[in-house]
Amino acid sequence: MLRIRAPGFVLALLLCGAARAQEPLTIALVIKDHAFSPAELHVPAGKPIIIAIDNQDATAEEFDSTDLQIEKVIAGGRKGVVHLRALQPGRYSFIGEYHAETAQGVVVAE
């Protein structure tokens, strides 16, 4: 005989709802002519984020951020993703390590 205890069932539903509340938001980022577009990404604070990067240049670029503690190389003509934890409000800079003079950006969590 299977018995479902109401408090446990309710807790399971609440946890399922909390998990959905933390589903990551996906933001698109393009690398073209050795620059990021958009150069400023506005994201909600406290929510995990996925940055979907489309490198439209023929050469590789590295998404590099000391602030976010992330390094990710995206081959030329390829796509990649960067997963960000839920961020506190603030500004988090990133650069394209291979073209740092032109490939610069910031994630703004608000």
PDB file of N, CA and C in Angstrom:
ATOM      1  N   MET A   1       0.839  -1.176   0.000  1.00  0.00           N
ATOM      2  CA  MET A   1       0.000   0.000   0.000  1.00  0.00           C
ATOM      3  C   MET A   1       0.886   1.242   0.000  1.00  0.00           C
ATOM      4  N   LEU A   2       0.637   2.129  -0.931  1.00  0.00           N
ATOM      5  CA  LEU A   2       1.399   3.363  -1.072  1.00  0.00           C
ATOM      6  C   LEU A   2       0.670   4.470  -0.348  1.00  0.00           C
ATOM      7  N   ARG A   3       1.402   5.112   0.558  1.00  0.00           N
ATOM      8  CA  ARG A   3       0.819   6.239   1.285  1.00  0.00           C
ATOM      9  C   ARG A   3       1.614   7.493   0.977  1.00  0.00           C
ATOM     10  N   ILE A   4       0.952   8.553   0.640  1.00  0.00           N
ATOM     11  CA  ILE A   4       1.606   9.839   0.408  1.00  0.00           C
ATOM     12  C   ILE A   4       1.264  10.729   1.588  1.00  0.00           C
ATOM     13  N   ARG A   5       2.295  11.173   2.225  1.00  0.00           N
ATOM     14  CA  ARG A   5       2.082  12.079   3.358  1.00  0.00           C
ATOM     15  C   ARG A   5       1.991  13.500   2.813  1.00  0.00           C
ATOM     16  N   ALA A   6       0.951  14.153   3.138  1.00  0.00           N
ATOM     17  CA  ALA A   6       0.685  15.485   2.590  1.00  0.00           C
ATOM     18  C   ALA A   6       1.826  16.466   2.830  1.00  0.00           C
ATOM     19  N   PRO A   7       2.412  16.572   4.051  1.00  0.00           N
ATOM     20  CA  PRO A   7       3.477  17.560   4.239  1.00  0.00           C
ATOM     21  C   PRO A   7       4.677  17.309   3.321  1.00  0.00           C
ATOM     22  N   GLY A   8       5.067  16.041   3.144  1.00  0.00           N
ATOM     23  CA  GLY A   8       6.190  15.732   2.259  1.00  0.00           C
ATOM     24  C   GLY A   8       5.870  16.053   0.819  1.00  0.00           C
ATOM     25  N   PHE A   9       4.658  15.762   0.407  1.00  0.00           N
ATOM     26  CA  PHE A   9       4.231  16.049  -0.964  1.00  0.00           C
ATOM     27  C   PHE A   9       4.236  17.556  -1.216  1.00  0.00           C
ATOM     28  N   VAL A  10       3.740  18.319  -0.259  1.00  0.00           N
ATOM     29  CA  VAL A  10       3.725  19.779  -0.383  1.00  0.00           C
ATOM     30  C   VAL A  10       5.153  20.308  -0.435  1.00  0.00           C
ATOM     31  N   LEU A  11       6.040  19.767   0.387  1.00  0.00           N
ATOM     32  CA  LEU A  11       7.439  20.185   0.374  1.00  0.00           C
ATOM     33  C   LEU A  11       8.068  19.898  -0.991  1.00  0.00           C
ATOM     34  N   ALA A  12       7.779  18.741  -1.562  1.00  0.00           N
ATOM     35  CA  ALA A  12       8.305  18.400  -2.877  1.00  0.00           C
ATOM     36  C   ALA A  12       7.820  19.390  -3.930  1.00  0.00           C
ATOM     37  N   LEU A  13       6.568  19.768  -3.867  1.00  0.00           N
ATOM     38  CA  LEU A  13       6.040  20.754  -4.817  1.00  0.00           C
ATOM     39  C   LEU A  13       6.713  22.112  -4.649  1.00  0.00           C
ATOM     40  N   LEU A  14       6.936  22.509  -3.397  1.00  0.00           N
ATOM     41  CA  LEU A  14       7.600  23.782  -3.142  1.00  0.00           C
ATOM     42  C   LEU A  14       9.028  23.772  -3.661  1.00  0.00           C
ATOM     43  N   LEU A  15       9.740  22.674  -3.449  1.00  0.00           N
ATOM     44  CA  LEU A  15      11.114  22.572  -3.933  1.00  0.00           C
ATOM     45  C   LEU A  15      11.166  22.587  -5.450  1.00  0.00           C
ATOM     46  N   CYS A  16      10.210  21.939  -6.079  1.00  0.00           N
ATOM     47  CA  CYS A  16      10.134  21.934  -7.540  1.00  0.00           C
ATOM     48  C   CYS A  16       9.910  23.354  -8.051  1.00  0.00           C
ATOM     49  N   GLY A  17       9.040  24.086  -7.411  1.00  0.00           N
ATOM     50  CA  GLY A  17       8.781  25.474  -7.786  1.00  0.00           C
ATOM     51  C   GLY A  17      10.005  26.344  -7.566  1.00  0.00           C
ATOM     52  N   ALA A  18      10.756  26.106  -6.476  1.00  0.00           N
ATOM     53  CA  ALA A  18      11.979  26.871  -6.216  1.00  0.00           C
ATOM     54  C   ALA A  18      13.022  26.576  -7.279  1.00  0.00           C
ATOM     55  N   ALA A  19      13.106  25.336  -7.731  1.00  0.00           N
ATOM     56  CA  ALA A  19      14.062  24.984  -8.779  1.00  0.00           C
ATOM     57  C   ALA A  19      13.729  25.719 -10.075  1.00  0.00           C
ATOM     58  N   ARG A  20      12.457  25.802 -10.398  1.00  0.00           N
ATOM     59  CA  ARG A  20      12.056  26.525 -11.606  1.00  0.00           C
ATOM     60  C   ARG A  20      12.383  28.003 -11.499  1.00  0.00           C
ATOM     61  N   ALA A  21      12.258  28.561 -10.294  1.00  0.00           N
ATOM     62  CA  ALA A  21      12.552  29.972 -10.097  1.00  0.00           C
ATOM     63  C   ALA A  21      14.022  30.258 -10.364  1.00  0.00           C
ATOM     64  N   GLN A  22      14.871  29.251 -10.274  1.00  0.00           N
ATOM     65  CA  GLN A  22      16.298  29.440 -10.495  1.00  0.00           C
ATOM     66  C   GLN A  22      16.759  28.942 -11.864  1.00  0.00           C
ATOM     67  N   GLU A  23      15.837  28.716 -12.791  1.00  0.00           N
ATOM     68  CA  GLU A  23      16.238  28.335 -14.140  1.00  0.00           C
ATOM     69  C   GLU A  23      17.029  29.491 -14.730  1.00  0.00           C
ATOM     70  N   PRO A  24      18.163  29.201 -15.384  1.00  0.00           N
ATOM     71  CA  PRO A  24      18.990  30.287 -15.902  1.00  0.00           C
ATOM     72  C   PRO A  24      18.331  31.037 -17.053  1.00  0.00           C
ATOM     73  N   LEU A  25      18.660  32.303 -17.127  1.00  0.00           N
ATOM     74  CA  LEU A  25      18.241  33.172 -18.222  1.00  0.00           C
ATOM     75  C   LEU A  25      19.353  33.143 -19.262  1.00  0.00           C
ATOM     76  N   THR A  26      19.017  32.987 -20.546  1.00  0.00           N
ATOM     77  CA  THR A  26      20.025  32.953 -21.608  1.00  0.00           C
ATOM     78  C   THR A  26      20.107  34.315 -22.289  1.00  0.00           C
ATOM     79  N   ILE A  27      21.326  34.834 -22.394  1.00  0.00           N
ATOM     80  CA  ILE A  27      21.614  36.118 -23.019  1.00  0.00           C
ATOM     81  C   ILE A  27      22.530  35.868 -24.214  1.00  0.00           C
ATOM     82  N   ALA A  28      22.247  36.484 -25.351  1.00  0.00           N
ATOM     83  CA  ALA A  28      23.073  36.312 -26.552  1.00  0.00           C
ATOM     84  C   ALA A  28      24.184  37.360 -26.593  1.00  0.00           C
ATOM     85  N   LEU A  29      25.368  36.911 -27.005  1.00  0.00           N
ATOM     86  CA  LEU A  29      26.525  37.784 -27.163  1.00  0.00           C
ATOM     87  C   LEU A  29      27.229  37.397 -28.460  1.00  0.00           C
ATOM     88  N   VAL A  30      27.540  38.385 -29.296  1.00  0.00           N
ATOM     89  CA  VAL A  30      28.197  38.138 -30.582  1.00  0.00           C
ATOM     90  C   VAL A  30      29.608  38.710 -30.540  1.00  0.00           C
ATOM     91  N   ILE A  31      30.544  37.967 -31.119  1.00  0.00           N
ATOM     92  CA  ILE A  31      31.888  38.480 -31.351  1.00  0.00           C
ATOM     93  C   ILE A  31      32.001  38.710 -32.858  1.00  0.00           C
ATOM     94  N   LYS A  32      32.251  39.955 -33.234  1.00  0.00           N
ATOM     95  CA  LYS A  32      32.395  40.290 -34.656  1.00  0.00           C
ATOM     96  C   LYS A  32      33.380  41.441 -34.775  1.00  0.00           C
ATOM     97  N   ASP A  33      34.295  41.337 -35.719  1.00  0.00           N
ATOM     98  CA  ASP A  33      35.340  42.348 -35.896  1.00  0.00           C
ATOM     99  C   ASP A  33      36.106  42.565 -34.592  1.00  0.00           C
ATOM    100  N   HIS A  34      36.346  41.482 -33.877  1.00  0.00           N
ATOM    101  CA  HIS A  34      37.118  41.476 -32.626  1.00  0.00           C
ATOM    102  C   HIS A  34      36.514  42.391 -31.569  1.00  0.00           C
ATOM    103  N   ALA A  35      35.190  42.435 -31.503  1.00  0.00           N
ATOM    104  CA  ALA A  35      34.481  43.218 -30.495  1.00  0.00           C
ATOM    105  C   ALA A  35      33.233  42.451 -30.063  1.00  0.00           C
ATOM    106  N   PHE A  36      32.803  42.693 -28.825  1.00  0.00           N
ATOM    107  CA  PHE A  36      31.589  42.077 -28.303  1.00  0.00           C
ATOM    108  C   PHE A  36      30.391  42.960 -28.604  1.00  0.00           C
ATOM    109  N   SER A  37      29.261  42.318 -28.940  1.00  0.00           N
ATOM    110  CA  SER A  37      28.024  43.052 -29.174  1.00  0.00           C
ATOM    111  C   SER A  37      26.862  42.260 -28.579  1.00  0.00           C
ATOM    112  N   PRO A  38      26.123  42.844 -27.657  1.00  0.00           N
ATOM    113  CA  PRO A  38      26.339  44.154 -27.070  1.00  0.00           C
ATOM    114  C   PRO A  38      27.531  44.120 -26.103  1.00  0.00           C
ATOM    115  N   ALA A  39      28.154  45.260 -25.909  1.00  0.00           N
ATOM    116  CA  ALA A  39      29.303  45.348 -25.012  1.00  0.00           C
ATOM    117  C   ALA A  39      28.863  45.434 -23.554  1.00  0.00           C
ATOM    118  N   GLU A  40      27.596  45.732 -23.327  1.00  0.00           N
ATOM    119  CA  GLU A  40      27.065  45.811 -21.966  1.00  0.00           C
ATOM    120  C   GLU A  40      25.849  44.896 -21.859  1.00  0.00           C
ATOM    121  N   LEU A  41      25.975  43.877 -21.012  1.00  0.00           N
ATOM    122  CA  LEU A  41      24.891  42.910 -20.807  1.00  0.00           C
ATOM    123  C   LEU A  41      24.204  43.211 -19.481  1.00  0.00           C
ATOM    124  N   HIS A  42      22.918  43.519 -19.523  1.00  0.00           N
ATOM    125  CA  HIS A  42      22.153  43.761 -18.298  1.00  0.00           C
ATOM    126  C   HIS A  42      21.427  42.476 -17.926  1.00  0.00           C
ATOM    127  N   VAL A  43      21.667  42.010 -16.705  1.00  0.00           N
ATOM    128  CA  VAL A  43      21.083  40.755 -16.231  1.00  0.00           C
ATOM    129  C   VAL A  43      20.461  40.978 -14.853  1.00  0.00           C
ATOM    130  N   PRO A  44      19.482  40.155 -14.498  1.00  0.00           N
ATOM    131  CA  PRO A  44      18.905  40.288 -13.158  1.00  0.00           C
ATOM    132  C   PRO A  44      19.865  39.732 -12.103  1.00  0.00           C
ATOM    133  N   ALA A  45      20.052  40.480 -11.033  1.00  0.00           N
ATOM    134  CA  ALA A  45      20.861  40.001  -9.911  1.00  0.00           C
ATOM    135  C   ALA A  45      20.145  38.830  -9.247  1.00  0.00           C
ATOM    136  N   GLY A  46      20.920  37.908  -8.695  1.00  0.00           N
ATOM    137  CA  GLY A  46      20.347  36.797  -7.952  1.00  0.00           C
ATOM    138  C   GLY A  46      19.802  35.669  -8.808  1.00  0.00           C
ATOM    139  N   LYS A  47      20.053  35.693 -10.110  1.00  0.00           N
ATOM    140  CA  LYS A  47      19.538  34.658 -11.010  1.00  0.00           C
ATOM    141  C   LYS A  47      20.694  34.115 -11.846  1.00  0.00           C
ATOM    142  N   PRO A  48      20.811  32.796 -11.981  1.00  0.00           N
ATOM    143  CA  PRO A  48      21.874  32.254 -12.833  1.00  0.00           C
ATOM    144  C   PRO A  48      21.656  32.641 -14.292  1.00  0.00           C
ATOM    145  N   ILE A  49      22.769  32.816 -14.998  1.00  0.00           N
ATOM    146  CA  ILE A  49      22.736  33.309 -16.376  1.00  0.00           C
ATOM    147  C   ILE A  49      23.560  32.382 -17.265  1.00  0.00           C
ATOM    148  N   ILE A  50      23.092  32.195 -18.496  1.00  0.00           N
ATOM    149  CA  ILE A  50      23.878  31.540 -19.535  1.00  0.00           C
ATOM    150  C   ILE A  50      24.135  32.588 -20.608  1.00  0.00           C
ATOM    151  N   ILE A  51      25.405  32.802 -20.941  1.00  0.00           N
ATOM    152  CA  ILE A  51      25.745  33.691 -22.049  1.00  0.00           C
ATOM    153  C   ILE A  51      26.036  32.799 -23.252  1.00  0.00           C
ATOM    154  N   ALA A  52      25.207  32.922 -24.283  1.00  0.00           N
ATOM    155  CA  ALA A  52      25.383  32.161 -25.529  1.00  0.00           C
ATOM    156  C   ALA A  52      26.216  33.021 -26.468  1.00  0.00           C
ATOM    157  N   ILE A  53      27.455  32.597 -26.718  1.00  0.00           N
ATOM    158  CA  ILE A  53      28.406  33.398 -27.492  1.00  0.00           C
ATOM    159  C   ILE A  53      28.509  32.854 -28.914  1.00  0.00           C
ATOM    160  N   ASP A  54      28.344  33.745 -29.884  1.00  0.00           N
ATOM    161  CA  ASP A  54      28.464  33.413 -31.301  1.00  0.00           C
ATOM    162  C   ASP A  54      29.676  34.159 -31.851  1.00  0.00           C
ATOM    163  N   ASN A  55      30.778  33.432 -32.079  1.00  0.00           N
ATOM    164  CA  ASN A  55      31.986  34.054 -32.622  1.00  0.00           C
ATOM    165  C   ASN A  55      31.891  34.067 -34.142  1.00  0.00           C
ATOM    166  N   GLN A  56      31.566  35.218 -34.694  1.00  0.00           N
ATOM    167  CA  GLN A  56      31.409  35.360 -36.136  1.00  0.00           C
ATOM    168  C   GLN A  56      32.719  35.724 -36.842  1.00  0.00           C
ATOM    169  N   ASP A  57      33.797  35.885 -36.079  1.00  0.00           N
ATOM    170  CA  ASP A  57      35.106  36.128 -36.668  1.00  0.00           C
ATOM    171  C   ASP A  57      35.714  34.810 -37.131  1.00  0.00           C
ATOM    172  N   ALA A  58      36.689  34.906 -38.016  1.00  0.00           N
ATOM    173  CA  ALA A  58      37.366  33.706 -38.529  1.00  0.00           C
ATOM    174  C   ALA A  58      38.381  33.149 -37.530  1.00  0.00           C
ATOM    175  N   THR A  59      38.776  33.973 -36.554  1.00  0.00           N
ATOM    176  CA  THR A  59      39.782  33.555 -35.578  1.00  0.00           C
ATOM    177  C   THR A  59      39.160  33.334 -34.206  1.00  0.00           C
ATOM    178  N   ALA A  60      39.846  32.568 -33.388  1.00  0.00           N
ATOM    179  CA  ALA A  60      39.376  32.275 -32.034  1.00  0.00           C
ATOM    180  C   ALA A  60      39.420  33.527 -31.163  1.00  0.00           C
ATOM    181  N   GLU A  61      38.578  33.530 -30.145  1.00  0.00           N
ATOM    182  CA  GLU A  61      38.591  34.578 -29.129  1.00  0.00           C
ATOM    183  C   GLU A  61      38.331  33.924 -27.782  1.00  0.00           C
ATOM    184  N   GLU A  62      38.895  34.511 -26.744  1.00  0.00           N
ATOM    185  CA  GLU A  62      38.682  33.995 -25.393  1.00  0.00           C
ATOM    186  C   GLU A  62      37.844  34.980 -24.598  1.00  0.00           C
ATOM    187  N   PHE A  63      36.718  34.506 -24.083  1.00  0.00           N
ATOM    188  CA  PHE A  63      35.912  35.288 -23.140  1.00  0.00           C
ATOM    189  C   PHE A  63      36.624  35.132 -21.801  1.00  0.00           C
ATOM    190  N   ASP A  64      37.148  36.232 -21.282  1.00  0.00           N
ATOM    191  CA  ASP A  64      37.978  36.171 -20.075  1.00  0.00           C
ATOM    192  C   ASP A  64      37.489  37.216 -19.080  1.00  0.00           C
ATOM    193  N   SER A  65      37.232  36.784 -17.849  1.00  0.00           N
ATOM    194  CA  SER A  65      36.790  37.711 -16.811  1.00  0.00           C
ATOM    195  C   SER A  65      37.382  37.321 -15.473  1.00  0.00           C
ATOM    196  N   THR A  66      38.259  38.181 -14.972  1.00  0.00           N
ATOM    197  CA  THR A  66      38.785  37.995 -13.622  1.00  0.00           C
ATOM    198  C   THR A  66      37.656  38.181 -12.616  1.00  0.00           C
ATOM    199  N   ASP A  67      36.786  39.178 -12.859  1.00  0.00           N
ATOM    200  CA  ASP A  67      35.667  39.457 -11.947  1.00  0.00           C
ATOM    201  C   ASP A  67      34.751  38.247 -11.786  1.00  0.00           C
ATOM    202  N   LEU A  68      34.499  37.545 -12.890  1.00  0.00           N
ATOM    203  CA  LEU A  68      33.586  36.394 -12.883  1.00  0.00           C
ATOM    204  C   LEU A  68      34.317  35.063 -12.725  1.00  0.00           C
ATOM    205  N   GLN A  69      35.645  35.103 -12.748  1.00  0.00           N
ATOM    206  CA  GLN A  69      36.488  33.912 -12.636  1.00  0.00           C
ATOM    207  C   GLN A  69      36.161  32.892 -13.728  1.00  0.00           C
ATOM    208  N   ILE A  70      36.148  33.395 -14.984  1.00  0.00           N
ATOM    209  CA  ILE A  70      35.798  32.548 -16.129  1.00  0.00           C
ATOM    210  C   ILE A  70      36.772  32.813 -17.270  1.00  0.00           C
ATOM    211  N   GLU A  71      37.188  31.746 -17.925  1.00  0.00           N
ATOM    212  CA  GLU A  71      37.932  31.823 -19.177  1.00  0.00           C
ATOM    213  C   GLU A  71      37.340  30.778 -20.108  1.00  0.00           C
ATOM    214  N   LYS A  72      36.968  31.197 -21.307  1.00  0.00           N
ATOM    215  CA  LYS A  72      36.367  30.271 -22.271  1.00  0.00           C
ATOM    216  C   LYS A  72      36.805  30.666 -23.672  1.00  0.00           C
ATOM    217  N   VAL A  73      37.475  29.751 -24.375  1.00  0.00           N
ATOM    218  CA  VAL A  73      37.898  29.997 -25.750  1.00  0.00           C
ATOM    219  C   VAL A  73      36.782  29.554 -26.691  1.00  0.00           C
ATOM    220  N   ILE A  74      36.434  30.450 -27.630  1.00  0.00           N
ATOM    221  CA  ILE A  74      35.436  30.149 -28.648  1.00  0.00           C
ATOM    222  C   ILE A  74      36.163  30.186 -30.002  1.00  0.00           C
ATOM    223  N   ALA A  75      36.207  29.060 -30.680  1.00  0.00           N
ATOM    224  CA  ALA A  75      36.893  28.981 -31.973  1.00  0.00           C
ATOM    225  C   ALA A  75      36.212  29.895 -32.990  1.00  0.00           C
ATOM    226  N   GLY A  76      36.972  30.308 -34.001  1.00  0.00           N
ATOM    227  CA  GLY A  76      36.426  31.139 -35.068  1.00  0.00           C
ATOM    228  C   GLY A  76      35.279  30.439 -35.781  1.00  0.00           C
ATOM    229  N   GLY A  77      34.192  31.182 -36.008  1.00  0.00           N
ATOM    230  CA  GLY A  77      33.028  30.628 -36.690  1.00  0.00           C
ATOM    231  C   GLY A  77      32.234  29.636 -35.857  1.00  0.00           C
ATOM    232  N   ARG A  78      32.465  29.606 -34.566  1.00  0.00           N
ATOM    233  CA  ARG A  78      31.786  28.644 -33.675  1.00  0.00           C
ATOM    234  C   ARG A  78      30.984  29.367 -32.597  1.00  0.00           C
ATOM    235  N   LYS A  79      30.217  28.572 -31.876  1.00  0.00           N
ATOM    236  CA  LYS A  79      29.420  29.085 -30.759  1.00  0.00           C
ATOM    237  C   LYS A  79      29.847  28.373 -29.484  1.00  0.00           C
ATOM    238  N   GLY A  80      29.613  29.031 -28.373  1.00  0.00           N
ATOM    239  CA  GLY A  80      29.916  28.439 -27.073  1.00  0.00           C
ATOM    240  C   GLY A  80      29.036  29.080 -26.015  1.00  0.00           C
ATOM    241  N   VAL A  81      29.068  28.514 -24.826  1.00  0.00           N
ATOM    242  CA  VAL A  81      28.275  29.057 -23.727  1.00  0.00           C
ATOM    243  C   VAL A  81      29.145  29.249 -22.496  1.00  0.00           C
ATOM    244  N   VAL A  82      28.763  30.248 -21.723  1.00  0.00           N
ATOM    245  CA  VAL A  82      29.383  30.531 -20.443  1.00  0.00           C
ATOM    246  C   VAL A  82      28.272  30.531 -19.403  1.00  0.00           C
ATOM    247  N   HIS A  83      28.460  29.783 -18.337  1.00  0.00           N
ATOM    248  CA  HIS A  83      27.468  29.709 -17.260  1.00  0.00           C
ATOM    249  C   HIS A  83      27.913  30.614 -16.107  1.00  0.00           C
ATOM    250  N   LEU A  84      27.025  31.516 -15.697  1.00  0.00           N
ATOM    251  CA  LEU A  84      27.306  32.397 -14.575  1.00  0.00           C
ATOM    252  C   LEU A  84      26.427  32.026 -13.395  1.00  0.00           C
ATOM    253  N   ARG A  85      27.020  32.012 -12.244  1.00  0.00           N
ATOM    254  CA  ARG A  85      26.244  31.801 -11.010  1.00  0.00           C
ATOM    255  C   ARG A  85      25.346  33.025 -10.795  1.00  0.00           C
ATOM    256  N   ALA A  86      24.430  32.939  -9.882  1.00  0.00           N
ATOM    257  CA  ALA A  86      23.604  34.099  -9.531  1.00  0.00           C
ATOM    258  C   ALA A  86      24.531  35.186  -8.987  1.00  0.00           C
ATOM    259  N   LEU A  87      24.464  36.372  -9.562  1.00  0.00           N
ATOM    260  CA  LEU A  87      25.378  37.458  -9.212  1.00  0.00           C
ATOM    261  C   LEU A  87      24.750  38.442  -8.243  1.00  0.00           C
ATOM    262  N   GLN A  88      25.586  39.027  -7.408  1.00  0.00           N
ATOM    263  CA  GLN A  88      25.170  40.150  -6.578  1.00  0.00           C
ATOM    264  C   GLN A  88      25.075  41.373  -7.488  1.00  0.00           C
ATOM    265  N   PRO A  89      24.279  42.373  -7.120  1.00  0.00           N
ATOM    266  CA  PRO A  89      24.240  43.588  -7.938  1.00  0.00           C
ATOM    267  C   PRO A  89      25.645  44.175  -8.101  1.00  0.00           C
ATOM    268  N   GLY A  90      25.948  44.596  -9.321  1.00  0.00           N
ATOM    269  CA  GLY A  90      27.264  45.182  -9.573  1.00  0.00           C
ATOM    270  C   GLY A  90      27.649  45.088 -11.031  1.00  0.00           C
ATOM    271  N   ARG A  91      28.885  45.503 -11.316  1.00  0.00           N
ATOM    272  CA  ARG A  91      29.437  45.488 -12.667  1.00  0.00           C
ATOM    273  C   ARG A  91      30.604  44.507 -12.692  1.00  0.00           C
ATOM    274  N   TYR A  92      30.613  43.644 -13.700  1.00  0.00           N
ATOM    275  CA  TYR A  92      31.608  42.587 -13.836  1.00  0.00           C
ATOM    276  C   TYR A  92      32.206  42.686 -15.243  1.00  0.00           C
ATOM    277  N   SER A  93      33.457  43.114 -15.337  1.00  0.00           N
ATOM    278  CA  SER A  93      34.058  43.327 -16.648  1.00  0.00           C
ATOM    279  C   SER A  93      34.540  42.009 -17.261  1.00  0.00           C
ATOM    280  N   PHE A  94      34.600  41.992 -18.601  1.00  0.00           N
ATOM    281  CA  PHE A  94      35.168  40.873 -19.341  1.00  0.00           C
ATOM    282  C   PHE A  94      35.877  41.415 -20.575  1.00  0.00           C
ATOM    283  N   ILE A  95      36.817  40.637 -21.084  1.00  0.00           N
ATOM    284  CA  ILE A  95      37.553  41.023 -22.280  1.00  0.00           C
ATOM    285  C   ILE A  95      37.698  39.815 -23.194  1.00  0.00           C
ATOM    286  N   GLY A  96      38.050  40.107 -24.444  1.00  0.00           N
ATOM    287  CA  GLY A  96      38.487  39.067 -25.361  1.00  0.00           C
ATOM    288  C   GLY A  96      40.001  39.014 -25.237  1.00  0.00           C
ATOM    289  N   GLU A  97      40.499  37.996 -24.599  1.00  0.00           N
ATOM    290  CA  GLU A  97      41.920  37.915 -24.274  1.00  0.00           C
ATOM    291  C   GLU A  97      42.822  38.092 -25.503  1.00  0.00           C
ATOM    292  N   TYR A  98      42.392  37.624 -26.669  1.00  0.00           N
ATOM    293  CA  TYR A  98      43.236  37.688 -27.864  1.00  0.00           C
ATOM    294  C   TYR A  98      43.192  39.041 -28.568  1.00  0.00           C
ATOM    295  N   HIS A  99      42.168  39.846 -28.275  1.00  0.00           N
ATOM    296  CA  HIS A  99      42.031  41.184 -28.864  1.00  0.00           C
ATOM    297  C   HIS A  99      41.531  42.138 -27.778  1.00  0.00           C
ATOM    298  N   ALA A 100      42.275  42.230 -26.689  1.00  0.00           N
ATOM    299  CA  ALA A 100      41.842  42.980 -25.512  1.00  0.00           C
ATOM    300  C   ALA A 100      41.653  44.472 -25.775  1.00  0.00           C
ATOM    301  N   GLU A 101      42.307  44.995 -26.809  1.00  0.00           N
ATOM    302  CA  GLU A 101      42.175  46.424 -27.101  1.00  0.00           C
ATOM    303  C   GLU A 101      40.810  46.767 -27.691  1.00  0.00           C
ATOM    304  N   THR A 102      40.145  45.811 -28.336  1.00  0.00           N
ATOM    305  CA  THR A 102      38.837  46.082 -28.948  1.00  0.00           C
ATOM    306  C   THR A 102      37.708  45.250 -28.347  1.00  0.00           C
ATOM    307  N   ALA A 103      38.016  44.075 -27.847  1.00  0.00           N
ATOM    308  CA  ALA A 103      36.985  43.177 -27.319  1.00  0.00           C
ATOM    309  C   ALA A 103      36.864  43.379 -25.807  1.00  0.00           C
ATOM    310  N   GLN A 104      35.989  44.299 -25.413  1.00  0.00           N
ATOM    311  CA  GLN A 104      35.792  44.617 -24.011  1.00  0.00           C
ATOM    312  C   GLN A 104      34.305  44.717 -23.723  1.00  0.00           C
ATOM    313  N   GLY A 105      33.911  44.314 -22.520  1.00  0.00           N
ATOM    314  CA  GLY A 105      32.503  44.404 -22.158  1.00  0.00           C
ATOM    315  C   GLY A 105      32.304  44.334 -20.656  1.00  0.00           C
ATOM    316  N   VAL A 106      31.042  44.408 -20.273  1.00  0.00           N
ATOM    317  CA  VAL A 106      30.700  44.363 -18.854  1.00  0.00           C
ATOM    318  C   VAL A 106      29.330  43.695 -18.699  1.00  0.00           C
ATOM    319  N   VAL A 107      29.215  42.889 -17.650  1.00  0.00           N
ATOM    320  CA  VAL A 107      27.930  42.339 -17.225  1.00  0.00           C
ATOM    321  C   VAL A 107      27.456  43.224 -16.086  1.00  0.00           C
ATOM    322  N   VAL A 108      26.252  43.758 -16.205  1.00  0.00           N
ATOM    323  CA  VAL A 108      25.675  44.604 -15.160  1.00  0.00           C
ATOM    324  C   VAL A 108      24.525  43.834 -14.531  1.00  0.00           C
ATOM    325  N   ALA A 109      24.718  43.431 -13.285  1.00  0.00           N
ATOM    326  CA  ALA A 109      23.664  42.717 -12.549  1.00  0.00           C
ATOM    327  C   ALA A 109      22.896  43.741 -11.741  1.00  0.00           C
ATOM    328  N   GLU A 110      21.578  43.793 -11.972  1.00  0.00           N
ATOM    329  CA  GLU A 110      20.740  44.781 -11.275  1.00  0.00           C
ATOM    330  C   GLU A 110      19.418  44.196 -10.848  1.00  0.00           C
TER     331      GLU A 110
END
